[in-house]
Amino acid sequence: MPHPPVSPGPPGPSEPTPTPGIRSFVAVQPVRLRRIAAAIALAAVVAAGLVVHRVLPGSTGADVAGDALYTAAVYAGLVLVTACRPIAAGITAAAWSVAVELFQATGIPSALAAAFPPMALVLGTAFDARDLVVYVLAALVATALDTAVLIALGAGHRRQSTSGGRP
């Protein structure tokens, strides 16, 4: 009589336990990786904004760059805190930035900045209609970059799942 097949047990002491590769990590952790990318982006954007503020004070280029970086920081902060979808983050970042710009027309941010100068970095000081266009364009760029990150993370997941778990 033939014996039933013996299934292999757990790896013995001489057999190494397989460790998951980067594809496994990406497939399981896309939200975590996206948040890590958002945190890195936020730090880079804040640093770039401070450099622009120091190096090119009062120039048109600094104003445009600062506006774009402000919206990018809002976007990255939203992704970091909420992990919302790119379109929601883009719309929210643009809407927030536009609302802050419109708030500048009241003069309140300027008064707050006079009392506490760092407030100017958060709320600005004077309304400029050009800034509204910059905010929308920056939100579109941030949304496109974030979507590209999600596609790249999703592509790793699809590759692994369609190959039956093989790298």
Foldseek 3Di string as FASTA:
>chain_A
DDDDDDDDDPDDPVDDDDDDDPLVVLLVPVLVVLLVVLVVLLVVLVVVLVCLCVVPPPDPVNVLSLLLSQLSNQLSVCCNVPVDALVVSLVVSLVVSVVLLVVLCVQVLQVVCVVPVVSCSVRNHHHDPVSSVSNNVSSVVSSVVSVVSSVVSVVSNVVCVVVVNDD
